[in-house]
Amino acid sequence: MHLGRDVTLYIGARLGMVAAVTALLVLANVPLLVALAVGVVVALPLSLFVFRGLRTRVAQGLEEKQAVRRAEREKLRAQLRGDTTA
């Protein structure tokens, strides 16, 4: 799994969508700060649906990483208790 790459792509895609919405509004003669605020409000929730596949990959990668850490932590706790593991 390439969690770092997936997270970077997802963040970049979401920020790109904000930039695209903002640019469209600026081209429509909306003031920049207003366009940016509307861009954030519109694009970030919309990106949850548009980038669903990428978001799912990120969530799966995080879950896999958490499972590995959980197993390592349990192994360490067993060692600290003095349990022997084969």
Protein backbone atom coordinates (compact mmCIF):
# COMPACT_ATOMS: atom_id res chain seq x y z
CA MET A 1 0.00 0.00 0.00
CA HIS A 2 1.20 3.50 -0.77
CA LEU A 3 -0.47 5.44 2.01
CA GLY A 4 1.74 8.52 1.75
CA ARG A 5 1.15 8.82 -1.99
CA ASP A 6 -2.61 8.31 -1.62
CA VAL A 7 -2.92 10.90 1.16
CA THR A 8 -0.91 13.41 -0.87
CA LEU A 9 -3.04 12.81 -3.96
CA TYR A 10 -6.27 13.14 -1.97
CA ILE A 11 -5.22 16.39 -0.31
CA GLY A 12 -3.97 17.76 -3.62
CA ALA A 13 -7.19 16.79 -5.38
CA ARG A 14 -9.32 18.47 -2.73
CA LEU A 15 -7.23 21.64 -2.79
CA GLY A 16 -7.30 21.58 -6.59
CA MET A 17 -11.07 21.45 -6.54
CA VAL A 18 -11.17 24.46 -4.18
CA ALA A 19 -8.82 26.31 -6.54
CA ALA A 20 -10.94 25.42 -9.58
CA VAL A 21 -14.19 26.58 -7.99
CA THR A 22 -12.49 29.75 -6.75
CA ALA A 23 -11.04 30.46 -10.21
CA LEU A 24 -14.42 30.02 -11.87
CA LEU A 25 -16.03 32.43 -9.42
CA VAL A 26 -13.24 34.99 -9.86
CA LEU A 27 -13.73 34.78 -13.63
CA ALA A 28 -17.39 35.55 -12.97
CA ASN A 29 -16.27 38.80 -11.25
CA VAL A 30 -16.82 37.58 -7.69
CA PRO A 31 -14.35 39.16 -5.22
CA LEU A 32 -11.40 36.86 -4.42
CA LEU A 33 -12.08 36.36 -0.70
CA VAL A 34 -15.75 35.68 -1.30
CA ALA A 35 -14.87 33.29 -4.11
CA LEU A 36 -12.37 31.50 -1.87
CA ALA A 37 -14.89 31.16 0.94
CA VAL A 38 -17.55 29.82 -1.42
CA GLY A 39 -14.96 27.55 -3.02
CA VAL A 40 -14.12 25.97 0.34
CA VAL A 41 -17.77 25.59 1.34
CA VAL A 42 -18.75 24.04 -2.00
CA ALA A 43 -15.67 22.06 -3.04
CA LEU A 44 -14.71 20.29 0.17
CA PRO A 45 -18.05 18.53 0.71
CA LEU A 46 -18.38 17.90 -3.04
CA SER A 47 -14.95 16.26 -3.10
CA LEU A 48 -16.20 13.63 -0.64
CA PHE A 49 -18.38 12.31 -3.46
CA VAL A 50 -16.18 13.10 -6.46
CA PHE A 51 -13.04 11.53 -4.96
CA ARG A 52 -14.80 8.63 -3.23
CA GLY A 53 -12.42 5.99 -4.62
CA LEU A 54 -9.33 7.85 -3.50
CA ARG A 55 -10.86 8.53 -0.09
CA THR A 56 -11.61 4.82 0.27
CA ARG A 57 -8.00 3.91 -0.59
CA VAL A 58 -6.74 6.35 2.05
CA ALA A 59 -9.14 4.94 4.65
CA GLN A 60 -8.08 1.35 3.86
CA GLY A 61 -4.41 2.30 4.07
CA LEU A 62 -4.95 3.96 7.44
CA GLU A 63 -6.85 0.92 8.69
CA GLU A 64 -4.06 -1.43 7.59
CA LYS A 65 -1.43 0.74 9.25
CA GLN A 66 -3.51 0.87 12.45
CA ALA A 67 -3.89 -2.93 12.44
CA VAL A 68 -0.12 -3.39 12.17
CA ARG A 69 0.50 -0.93 15.00
CA ARG A 70 -2.18 -2.61 17.12
CA ALA A 71 -0.53 -6.02 16.61
CA GLU A 72 2.91 -4.62 17.44
CA ARG A 73 1.57 -2.96 20.57
CA GLU A 74 -0.11 -6.19 21.69
CA LYS A 75 3.11 -8.14 21.06
CA LEU A 76 5.07 -5.63 23.14
CA ARG A 77 2.53 -5.81 25.96
CA ALA A 78 2.74 -9.61 25.91
CA GLN A 79 6.52 -9.40 26.16
CA LEU A 80 6.28 -6.97 29.06
CA ARG A 81 3.89 -9.36 30.87
CA GLY A 82 6.41 -12.15 30.37
CA ASP A 83 4.23 -14.21 28.04
CA THR A 84 6.23 -16.47 25.75
CA THR A 85 5.32 -16.33 22.09
CA ALA A 86 6.38 -18.81 19.48
